[in-house]
């Protein structure tokens, strides 16, 4: 990073609630409270101030290795919710 003069553009902060289901090695995460920094260069600093990154969203993400058990597939089907890609980094960069 130093040799190429690279530095972070933004810090992405969020709250994650993880779940693991052993059959199929399924990982389900719920991410919320997505926040971005206010020109903070050291993400480990307790003085780093973050603010909400756009409208509040709650993300449900499902990852698996071998197969997705029907039990999980049925459990994560939520009516009136869209499915697709969402980048926490991108939403933080739009605002900063």
PDB file of N, CA and C in Angstrom:
ATOM      1  N   UNK A   1       0.814  -1.184   0.000  1.00  0.00           N
ATOM      2  CA  UNK A   1       0.000   0.000   0.000  1.00  0.00           C
ATOM      3  C   UNK A   1       0.862   1.255   0.000  1.00  0.00           C
ATOM      4  N   UNK A   2       1.920   1.251   0.793  1.00  0.00           N
ATOM      5  CA  UNK A   2       2.768   2.435   0.876  1.00  0.00           C
ATOM      6  C   UNK A   2       3.530   2.658  -0.419  1.00  0.00           C
ATOM      7  N   UNK A   3       4.041   1.582  -1.025  1.00  0.00           N
ATOM      8  CA  UNK A   3       4.835   1.708  -2.247  1.00  0.00           C
ATOM      9  C   UNK A   3       4.007   2.281  -3.396  1.00  0.00           C
ATOM     10  N   UNK A   4       2.718   1.948  -3.431  1.00  0.00           N
ATOM     11  CA  UNK A   4       1.852   2.433  -4.504  1.00  0.00           C
ATOM     12  C   UNK A   4       1.014   3.632  -4.075  1.00  0.00           C
ATOM     13  N   UNK A   5       1.298   4.159  -2.884  1.00  0.00           N
ATOM     14  CA  UNK A   5       0.575   5.317  -2.346  1.00  0.00           C
ATOM     15  C   UNK A   5      -0.935   5.076  -2.288  1.00  0.00           C
ATOM     16  N   UNK A   6      -1.325   3.866  -1.901  1.00  0.00           N
ATOM     17  CA  UNK A   6      -2.746   3.537  -1.770  1.00  0.00           C
ATOM     18  C   UNK A   6      -3.234   3.938  -0.388  1.00  0.00           C
ATOM     19  N   UNK A   7      -4.468   4.372  -0.331  1.00  0.00           N
ATOM     20  CA  UNK A   7      -5.074   4.694   0.953  1.00  0.00           C
ATOM     21  C   UNK A   7      -6.568   4.427   0.863  1.00  0.00           C
ATOM     22  N   UNK A   8      -7.195   4.179   1.995  1.00  0.00           N
ATOM     23  CA  UNK A   8      -8.630   3.894   1.976  1.00  0.00           C
ATOM     24  C   UNK A   8      -9.438   5.083   1.470  1.00  0.00           C
ATOM     25  N   UNK A   9     -10.498   4.806   0.746  1.00  0.00           N
ATOM     26  CA  UNK A   9     -11.403   5.856   0.282  1.00  0.00           C
ATOM     27  C   UNK A   9     -12.519   6.109   1.284  1.00  0.00           C
ATOM     28  N   UNK A  10     -12.969   5.042   1.928  1.00  0.00           N
ATOM     29  CA  UNK A  10     -14.029   5.177   2.919  1.00  0.00           C
ATOM     30  C   UNK A  10     -14.002   3.983   3.849  1.00  0.00           C
ATOM     31  N   UNK A  11     -14.530   4.163   5.003  1.00  0.00           N
ATOM     32  CA  UNK A  11     -14.684   3.073   5.962  1.00  0.00           C
ATOM     33  C   UNK A  11     -16.150   2.694   5.980  1.00  0.00           C
ATOM     34  N   UNK A  12     -16.420   1.404   5.870  1.00  0.00           N
ATOM     35  CA  UNK A  12     -17.777   0.880   5.901  1.00  0.00           C
ATOM     36  C   UNK A  12     -17.972   0.190   7.247  1.00  0.00           C
ATOM     37  N   UNK A  13     -18.967   0.619   7.975  1.00  0.00           N
ATOM     38  CA  UNK A  13     -19.250   0.061   9.295  1.00  0.00           C
ATOM     39  C   UNK A  13     -20.696  -0.421   9.293  1.00  0.00           C
ATOM     40  N   UNK A  14     -20.955  -1.564   9.905  1.00  0.00           N
ATOM     41  CA  UNK A  14     -22.316  -2.070   9.975  1.00  0.00           C
ATOM     42  C   UNK A  14     -22.430  -3.092  11.093  1.00  0.00           C
ATOM     43  N   UNK A  15     -23.648  -3.395  11.471  1.00  0.00           N
ATOM     44  CA  UNK A  15     -23.933  -4.404  12.484  1.00  0.00           C
ATOM     45  C   UNK A  15     -24.313  -5.691  11.767  1.00  0.00           C
ATOM     46  N   UNK A  16     -23.677  -6.808  12.164  1.00  0.00           N
ATOM     47  CA  UNK A  16     -23.945  -8.096  11.517  1.00  0.00           C
ATOM     48  C   UNK A  16     -24.405  -9.107  12.560  1.00  0.00           C
ATOM     49  N   UNK A  17     -25.488  -9.812  12.216  1.00  0.00           N
ATOM     50  CA  UNK A  17     -25.956 -10.931  13.025  1.00  0.00           C
ATOM     51  C   UNK A  17     -25.761 -12.193  12.182  1.00  0.00           C
ATOM     52  N   UNK A  18     -24.835 -13.073  12.583  1.00  0.00           N
ATOM     53  CA  UNK A  18     -24.548 -14.263  11.777  1.00  0.00           C
ATOM     54  C   UNK A  18     -25.245 -15.527  12.311  1.00  0.00           C
ATOM     55  N   UNK A  19     -25.562 -16.417  11.386  1.00  0.00           N
ATOM     56  CA  UNK A  19     -26.112 -17.734  11.713  1.00  0.00           C
ATOM     57  C   UNK A  19     -25.404 -18.761  10.834  1.00  0.00           C
ATOM     58  N   UNK A  20     -25.182 -19.958  11.373  1.00  0.00           N
ATOM     59  CA  UNK A  20     -24.556 -21.036  10.604  1.00  0.00           C
ATOM     60  C   UNK A  20     -25.431 -22.271  10.722  1.00  0.00           C
ATOM     61  N   UNK A  21     -25.654 -22.942   9.588  1.00  0.00           N
ATOM     62  CA  UNK A  21     -26.391 -24.203   9.533  1.00  0.00           C
ATOM     63  C   UNK A  21     -25.454 -25.220   8.906  1.00  0.00           C
ATOM     64  N   UNK A  22     -25.024 -26.191   9.686  1.00  0.00           N
ATOM     65  CA  UNK A  22     -23.972 -27.120   9.262  1.00  0.00           C
ATOM     66  C   UNK A  22     -24.277 -27.874   7.963  1.00  0.00           C
ATOM     67  N   UNK A  23     -25.474 -28.472   7.809  1.00  0.00           N
ATOM     68  CA  UNK A  23     -25.720 -29.179   6.541  1.00  0.00           C
ATOM     69  C   UNK A  23     -25.611 -28.215   5.358  1.00  0.00           C
ATOM     70  N   UNK A  24     -24.714 -28.484   4.449  1.00  0.00           N
ATOM     71  CA  UNK A  24     -24.497 -27.615   3.292  1.00  0.00           C
ATOM     72  C   UNK A  24     -23.561 -26.469   3.601  1.00  0.00           C
ATOM     73  N   UNK A  25     -23.106 -26.358   4.845  1.00  0.00           N
ATOM     74  CA  UNK A  25     -22.264 -25.252   5.288  1.00  0.00           C
ATOM     75  C   UNK A  25     -22.893 -23.912   4.892  1.00  0.00           C
ATOM     76  N   UNK A  26     -24.101 -23.693   5.375  1.00  0.00           N
ATOM     77  CA  UNK A  26     -24.878 -22.489   5.045  1.00  0.00           C
ATOM     78  C   UNK A  26     -24.569 -21.398   6.062  1.00  0.00           C
ATOM     79  N   UNK A  27     -24.294 -20.190   5.565  1.00  0.00           N
ATOM     80  CA  UNK A  27     -24.082 -19.014   6.399  1.00  0.00           C
ATOM     81  C   UNK A  27     -25.132 -17.979   6.049  1.00  0.00           C
ATOM     82  N   UNK A  28     -25.905 -17.600   7.041  1.00  0.00           N
ATOM     83  CA  UNK A  28     -26.937 -16.579   6.859  1.00  0.00           C
ATOM     84  C   UNK A  28     -26.533 -15.386   7.711  1.00  0.00           C
ATOM     85  N   UNK A  29     -26.510 -14.206   7.107  1.00  0.00           N
ATOM     86  CA  UNK A  29     -26.172 -13.001   7.852  1.00  0.00           C
ATOM     87  C   UNK A  29     -27.242 -11.941   7.639  1.00  0.00           C
ATOM     88  N   UNK A  30     -27.472 -11.186   8.690  1.00  0.00           N
ATOM     89  CA  UNK A  30     -28.355 -10.028   8.618  1.00  0.00           C
ATOM     90  C   UNK A  30     -27.479  -8.812   8.912  1.00  0.00           C
ATOM     91  N   UNK A  31     -27.375  -7.916   7.943  1.00  0.00           N
ATOM     92  CA  UNK A  31     -26.573  -6.702   8.094  1.00  0.00           C
ATOM     93  C   UNK A  31     -27.510  -5.505   8.157  1.00  0.00           C
ATOM     94  N   UNK A  32     -27.244  -4.612   9.106  1.00  0.00           N
ATOM     95  CA  UNK A  32     -28.063  -3.403   9.252  1.00  0.00           C
ATOM     96  C   UNK A  32     -27.208  -2.274   9.808  1.00  0.00           C
ATOM     97  N   UNK A  33     -27.798  -1.112   9.918  1.00  0.00           N
ATOM     98  CA  UNK A  33     -27.106   0.067  10.447  1.00  0.00           C
ATOM     99  C   UNK A  33     -25.815   0.335   9.659  1.00  0.00           C
ATOM    100  N   UNK A  34     -25.923   0.394   8.346  1.00  0.00           N
ATOM    101  CA  UNK A  34     -24.764   0.642   7.484  1.00  0.00           C
ATOM    102  C   UNK A  34     -24.359   2.105   7.623  1.00  0.00           C
ATOM    103  N   UNK A  35     -23.080   2.302   7.935  1.00  0.00           N
ATOM    104  CA  UNK A  35     -22.568   3.641   8.206  1.00  0.00           C
ATOM    105  C   UNK A  35     -21.269   3.866   7.451  1.00  0.00           C
ATOM    106  N   UNK A  36     -20.949   5.118   7.193  1.00  0.00           N
ATOM    107  CA  UNK A  36     -19.705   5.485   6.519  1.00  0.00           C
ATOM    108  C   UNK A  36     -18.956   6.478   7.389  1.00  0.00           C
ATOM    109  N   UNK A  37     -17.668   6.607   7.116  1.00  0.00           N
ATOM    110  CA  UNK A  37     -16.846   7.511   7.913  1.00  0.00           C
ATOM    111  C   UNK A  37     -16.998   8.963   7.478  1.00  0.00           C
ATOM    112  N   UNK A  38     -16.545   9.836   8.338  1.00  0.00           N
ATOM    113  CA  UNK A  38     -16.461  11.263   8.018  1.00  0.00           C
ATOM    114  C   UNK A  38     -14.985  11.636   7.959  1.00  0.00           C
ATOM    115  N   UNK A  39     -14.339  11.222   6.885  1.00  0.00           N
ATOM    116  CA  UNK A  39     -12.916  11.533   6.640  1.00  0.00           C
ATOM    117  C   UNK A  39     -11.980  10.997   7.723  1.00  0.00           C
ATOM    118  N   UNK A  40     -12.254   9.805   8.188  1.00  0.00           N
ATOM    119  CA  UNK A  40     -11.413   9.164   9.197  1.00  0.00           C
ATOM    120  C   UNK A  40     -10.465   8.208   8.480  1.00  0.00           C
ATOM    121  N   UNK A  41      -9.184   8.294   8.773  1.00  0.00           N
ATOM    122  CA  UNK A  41      -8.194   7.451   8.096  1.00  0.00           C
ATOM    123  C   UNK A  41      -7.866   6.187   8.887  1.00  0.00           C
ATOM    124  N   UNK A  42      -8.150   6.175  10.174  1.00  0.00           N
ATOM    125  CA  UNK A  42      -7.796   5.046  11.025  1.00  0.00           C
ATOM    126  C   UNK A  42      -9.066   4.392  11.553  1.00  0.00           C
ATOM    127  N   UNK A  43      -9.460   3.280  10.934  1.00  0.00           N
ATOM    128  CA  UNK A  43     -10.721   2.661  11.318  1.00  0.00           C
ATOM    129  C   UNK A  43     -10.667   2.028  12.710  1.00  0.00           C
ATOM    130  N   UNK A  44      -9.493   1.855  13.280  1.00  0.00           N
ATOM    131  CA  UNK A  44      -9.377   1.316  14.631  1.00  0.00           C
ATOM    132  C   UNK A  44      -9.440   2.394  15.705  1.00  0.00           C
ATOM    133  N   UNK A  45      -9.444   3.623  15.299  1.00  0.00           N
ATOM    134  CA  UNK A  45      -9.463   4.735  16.250  1.00  0.00           C
ATOM    135  C   UNK A  45     -10.837   4.862  16.901  1.00  0.00           C
ATOM    136  N   UNK A  46     -10.886   4.986  18.227  1.00  0.00           N
ATOM    137  CA  UNK A  46     -12.184   5.191  18.881  1.00  0.00           C
ATOM    138  C   UNK A  46     -12.775   6.566  18.562  1.00  0.00           C
ATOM    139  N   UNK A  47     -11.964   7.469  18.011  1.00  0.00           N
ATOM    140  CA  UNK A  47     -12.437   8.805  17.643  1.00  0.00           C
ATOM    141  C   UNK A  47     -13.024   8.859  16.238  1.00  0.00           C
ATOM    142  N   UNK A  48     -13.014   7.745  15.528  1.00  0.00           N
ATOM    143  CA  UNK A  48     -13.539   7.699  14.156  1.00  0.00           C
ATOM    144  C   UNK A  48     -15.065   7.842  14.204  1.00  0.00           C
ATOM    145  N   UNK A  49     -15.568   8.880  13.573  1.00  0.00           N
ATOM    146  CA  UNK A  49     -17.002   9.171  13.577  1.00  0.00           C
ATOM    147  C   UNK A  49     -17.621   8.616  12.303  1.00  0.00           C
ATOM    148  N   UNK A  50     -18.740   7.906  12.450  1.00  0.00           N
ATOM    149  CA  UNK A  50     -19.457   7.394  11.280  1.00  0.00           C
ATOM    150  C   UNK A  50     -20.878   7.935  11.280  1.00  0.00           C
ATOM    151  N   UNK A  51     -21.456   8.016  10.077  1.00  0.00           N
ATOM    152  CA  UNK A  51     -22.825   8.502   9.906  1.00  0.00           C
ATOM    153  C   UNK A  51     -23.577   7.520   9.017  1.00  0.00           C
ATOM    154  N   UNK A  52     -24.904   7.507   9.089  1.00  0.00           N
ATOM    155  CA  UNK A  52     -25.676   6.600   8.236  1.00  0.00           C
ATOM    156  C   UNK A  52     -25.368   6.825   6.759  1.00  0.00           C
ATOM    157  N   UNK A  53     -25.314   5.741   6.016  1.00  0.00           N
ATOM    158  CA  UNK A  53     -25.033   5.796   4.573  1.00  0.00           C
ATOM    159  C   UNK A  53     -26.344   5.646   3.812  1.00  0.00           C
ATOM    160  N   UNK A  54     -27.015   6.730   3.585  1.00  0.00           N
ATOM    161  CA  UNK A  54     -28.258   6.697   2.826  1.00  0.00           C
ATOM    162  C   UNK A  54     -29.436   6.213   3.664  1.00  0.00           C
ATOM    163  N   UNK A  55     -30.457   5.760   2.956  1.00  0.00           N
ATOM    164  CA  UNK A  55     -31.664   5.270   3.618  1.00  0.00           C
ATOM    165  C   UNK A  55     -31.357   3.965   4.355  1.00  0.00           C
ATOM    166  N   UNK A  56     -31.965   3.743   5.516  1.00  0.00           N
ATOM    167  CA  UNK A  56     -31.722   2.500   6.257  1.00  0.00           C
ATOM    168  C   UNK A  56     -32.186   1.279   5.468  1.00  0.00           C
ATOM    169  N   UNK A  57     -31.334   0.267   5.437  1.00  0.00           N
ATOM    170  CA  UNK A  57     -31.684  -1.006   4.806  1.00  0.00           C
ATOM    171  C   UNK A  57     -31.278  -2.133   5.746  1.00  0.00           C
ATOM    172  N   UNK A  58     -31.954  -3.253   5.597  1.00  0.00           N
ATOM    173  CA  UNK A  58     -31.576  -4.470   6.298  1.00  0.00           C
ATOM    174  C   UNK A  58     -31.330  -5.516   5.225  1.00  0.00           C
ATOM    175  N   UNK A  59     -30.116  -6.083   5.241  1.00  0.00           N
ATOM    176  CA  UNK A  59     -29.731  -7.044   4.218  1.00  0.00           C
ATOM    177  C   UNK A  59     -29.731  -8.455   4.797  1.00  0.00           C
ATOM    178  N   UNK A  60     -30.345  -9.365   4.089  1.00  0.00           N
ATOM    179  CA  UNK A  60     -30.315 -10.777   4.434  1.00  0.00           C
ATOM    180  C   UNK A  60     -29.498 -11.466   3.356  1.00  0.00           C
ATOM    181  N   UNK A  61     -28.382 -12.064   3.761  1.00  0.00           N
ATOM    182  CA  UNK A  61     -27.489 -12.707   2.799  1.00  0.00           C
ATOM    183  C   UNK A  61     -27.363 -14.183   3.148  1.00  0.00           C
ATOM    184  N   UNK A  62     -27.436 -15.023   2.125  1.00  0.00           N
ATOM    185  CA  UNK A  62     -27.329 -16.462   2.314  1.00  0.00           C
ATOM    186  C   UNK A  62     -26.203 -16.977   1.423  1.00  0.00           C
ATOM    187  N   UNK A  63     -25.257 -17.685   2.039  1.00  0.00           N
ATOM    188  CA  UNK A  63     -24.147 -18.294   1.293  1.00  0.00           C
ATOM    189  C   UNK A  63     -24.075 -19.765   1.674  1.00  0.00           C
ATOM    190  N   UNK A  64     -23.711 -20.589   0.715  1.00  0.00           N
ATOM    191  CA  UNK A  64     -23.564 -22.007   1.011  1.00  0.00           C
ATOM    192  C   UNK A  64     -22.484 -22.607   0.127  1.00  0.00           C
ATOM    193  N   UNK A  65     -21.947 -23.747   0.563  1.00  0.00           N
ATOM    194  CA  UNK A  65     -20.879 -24.409  -0.181  1.00  0.00           C
ATOM    195  C   UNK A  65     -21.388 -25.585  -0.991  1.00  0.00           C
ATOM    196  N   UNK A  66     -21.995 -26.534  -0.336  1.00  0.00           N
ATOM    197  CA  UNK A  66     -22.360 -27.783  -0.992  1.00  0.00           C
ATOM    198  C   UNK A  66     -23.747 -27.726  -1.622  1.00  0.00           C
ATOM    199  N   UNK A  67     -24.733 -27.396  -0.839  1.00  0.00           N
ATOM    200  CA  UNK A  67     -26.108 -27.304  -1.331  1.00  0.00           C
ATOM    201  C   UNK A  67     -26.900 -26.429  -0.374  1.00  0.00           C
ATOM    202  N   UNK A  68     -28.011 -25.907  -0.844  1.00  0.00           N
ATOM    203  CA  UNK A  68     -28.885 -25.093  -0.005  1.00  0.00           C
ATOM    204  C   UNK A  68     -30.064 -25.959   0.432  1.00  0.00           C
ATOM    205  N   UNK A  69     -30.107 -26.356   1.697  1.00  0.00           N
ATOM    206  CA  UNK A  69     -31.214 -27.202   2.169  1.00  0.00           C
ATOM    207  C   UNK A  69     -32.566 -26.509   1.995  1.00  0.00           C
ATOM    208  N   UNK A  70     -33.590 -27.295   1.685  1.00  0.00           N
ATOM    209  CA  UNK A  70     -34.937 -26.741   1.493  1.00  0.00           C
ATOM    210  C   UNK A  70     -35.426 -25.994   2.729  1.00  0.00           C
ATOM    211  N   UNK A  71     -35.045 -26.457   3.904  1.00  0.00           N
ATOM    212  CA  UNK A  71     -35.430 -25.794   5.147  1.00  0.00           C
ATOM    213  C   UNK A  71     -34.990 -24.335   5.139  1.00  0.00           C
ATOM    214  N   UNK A  72     -33.755 -24.085   4.748  1.00  0.00           N
ATOM    215  CA  UNK A  72     -33.230 -22.716   4.695  1.00  0.00           C
ATOM    216  C   UNK A  72     -33.860 -21.955   3.539  1.00  0.00           C
ATOM    217  N   UNK A  73     -33.976 -22.612   2.391  1.00  0.00           N
ATOM    218  CA  UNK A  73     -34.561 -21.955   1.212  1.00  0.00           C
ATOM    219  C   UNK A  73     -35.959 -21.420   1.519  1.00  0.00           C
ATOM    220  N   UNK A  74     -36.762 -22.223   2.203  1.00  0.00           N
ATOM    221  CA  UNK A  74     -38.120 -21.780   2.558  1.00  0.00           C
ATOM    222  C   UNK A  74     -38.082 -20.690   3.639  1.00  0.00           C
ATOM    223  N   UNK A  75     -37.156 -20.797   4.573  1.00  0.00           N
ATOM    224  CA  UNK A  75     -37.100 -19.838   5.688  1.00  0.00           C
ATOM    225  C   UNK A  75     -36.723 -18.432   5.245  1.00  0.00           C
ATOM    226  N   UNK A  76     -35.924 -18.316   4.195  1.00  0.00           N
ATOM    227  CA  UNK A  76     -35.457 -16.983   3.782  1.00  0.00           C
ATOM    228  C   UNK A  76     -36.312 -16.349   2.693  1.00  0.00           C
ATOM    229  N   UNK A  77     -37.354 -17.018   2.261  1.00  0.00           N
ATOM    230  CA  UNK A  77     -38.265 -16.429   1.286  1.00  0.00           C
ATOM    231  C   UNK A  77     -39.157 -15.421   2.001  1.00  0.00           C
ATOM    232  N   UNK A  78     -38.975 -14.161   1.701  1.00  0.00           N
ATOM    233  CA  UNK A  78     -39.744 -13.097   2.341  1.00  0.00           C
ATOM    234  C   UNK A  78     -40.562 -12.398   1.270  1.00  0.00           C
ATOM    235  N   UNK A  79     -41.883 -12.392   1.452  1.00  0.00           N
ATOM    236  CA  UNK A  79     -42.765 -11.761   0.467  1.00  0.00           C
ATOM    237  C   UNK A  79     -42.529 -10.258   0.411  1.00  0.00           C
ATOM    238  N   UNK A  80     -42.758  -9.690  -0.751  1.00  0.00           N
ATOM    239  CA  UNK A  80     -42.654  -8.246  -0.978  1.00  0.00           C
ATOM    240  C   UNK A  80     -41.257  -7.695  -0.709  1.00  0.00           C
ATOM    241  N   UNK A  81     -40.241  -8.510  -0.906  1.00  0.00           N
ATOM    242  CA  UNK A  81     -38.857  -8.062  -0.760  1.00  0.00           C
ATOM    243  C   UNK A  81     -38.131  -8.390  -2.050  1.00  0.00           C
ATOM    244  N   UNK A  82     -37.231  -7.511  -2.450  1.00  0.00           N
ATOM    245  CA  UNK A  82     -36.510  -7.747  -3.695  1.00  0.00           C
ATOM    246  C   UNK A  82     -35.245  -8.543  -3.416  1.00  0.00           C
ATOM    247  N   UNK A  83     -34.849  -9.308  -4.413  1.00  0.00           N
ATOM    248  CA  UNK A  83     -33.603 -10.050  -4.332  1.00  0.00           C
ATOM    249  C   UNK A  83     -32.640  -9.456  -5.345  1.00  0.00           C
ATOM    250  N   UNK A  84     -31.361  -9.547  -5.057  1.00  0.00           N
ATOM    251  CA  UNK A  84     -30.376  -9.021  -5.995  1.00  0.00           C
ATOM    252  C   UNK A  84     -29.093  -8.657  -5.290  1.00  0.00           C
ATOM    253  N   UNK A  85     -28.245  -8.001  -6.034  1.00  0.00           N
ATOM    254  CA  UNK A  85     -26.944  -7.606  -5.496  1.00  0.00           C
ATOM    255  C   UNK A  85     -27.056  -6.262  -4.784  1.00  0.00           C
ATOM    256  N   UNK A  86     -26.263  -6.113  -3.730  1.00  0.00           N
ATOM    257  CA  UNK A  86     -26.210  -4.858  -2.991  1.00  0.00           C
ATOM    258  C   UNK A  86     -24.800  -4.722  -2.447  1.00  0.00           C
ATOM    259  N   UNK A  87     -24.184  -3.604  -2.663  1.00  0.00           N
ATOM    260  CA  UNK A  87     -22.824  -3.375  -2.198  1.00  0.00           C
ATOM    261  C   UNK A  87     -22.815  -2.341  -1.089  1.00  0.00           C
ATOM    262  N   UNK A  88     -22.431  -2.762   0.101  1.00  0.00           N
ATOM    263  CA  UNK A  88     -22.326  -1.817   1.211  1.00  0.00           C
ATOM    264  C   UNK A  88     -21.246  -0.779   0.907  1.00  0.00           C
ATOM    265  N   UNK A  89     -20.165  -1.201   0.282  1.00  0.00           N
ATOM    266  CA  UNK A  89     -19.085  -0.271  -0.089  1.00  0.00           C
ATOM    267  C   UNK A  89     -19.619   0.783  -1.067  1.00  0.00           C
ATOM    268  N   UNK A  90     -20.341   0.344  -2.071  1.00  0.00           N
ATOM    269  CA  UNK A  90     -20.857   1.276  -3.064  1.00  0.00           C
ATOM    270  C   UNK A  90     -21.788   2.317  -2.444  1.00  0.00           C
ATOM    271  N   UNK A  91     -22.669   1.889  -1.577  1.00  0.00           N
ATOM    272  CA  UNK A  91     -23.605   2.841  -0.982  1.00  0.00           C
ATOM    273  C   UNK A  91     -22.846   3.846  -0.104  1.00  0.00           C
ATOM    274  N   UNK A  92     -21.767   3.417   0.515  1.00  0.00           N
ATOM    275  CA  UNK A  92     -20.958   4.348   1.313  1.00  0.00           C
ATOM    276  C   UNK A  92     -20.156   5.305   0.433  1.00  0.00           C
ATOM    277  N   UNK A  93     -19.703   4.857  -0.715  1.00  0.00           N
ATOM    278  CA  UNK A  93     -18.947   5.716  -1.625  1.00  0.00           C
ATOM    279  C   UNK A  93     -19.830   6.748  -2.305  1.00  0.00           C
ATOM    280  N   UNK A  94     -21.088   6.444  -2.539  1.00  0.00           N
ATOM    281  CA  UNK A  94     -22.001   7.405  -3.172  1.00  0.00           C
ATOM    282  C   UNK A  94     -22.076   8.675  -2.321  1.00  0.00           C
ATOM    283  N   UNK A  95     -22.059   8.505  -1.021  1.00  0.00           N
ATOM    284  CA  UNK A  95     -22.234   9.638  -0.107  1.00  0.00           C
ATOM    285  C   UNK A  95     -20.917  10.203   0.410  1.00  0.00           C
ATOM    286  N   UNK A  96     -19.783   9.696  -0.071  1.00  0.00           N
ATOM    287  CA  UNK A  96     -18.554  10.236   0.483  1.00  0.00           C
ATOM    288  C   UNK A  96     -17.338  10.040  -0.342  1.00  0.00           C
TER     289      UNK A  96
END
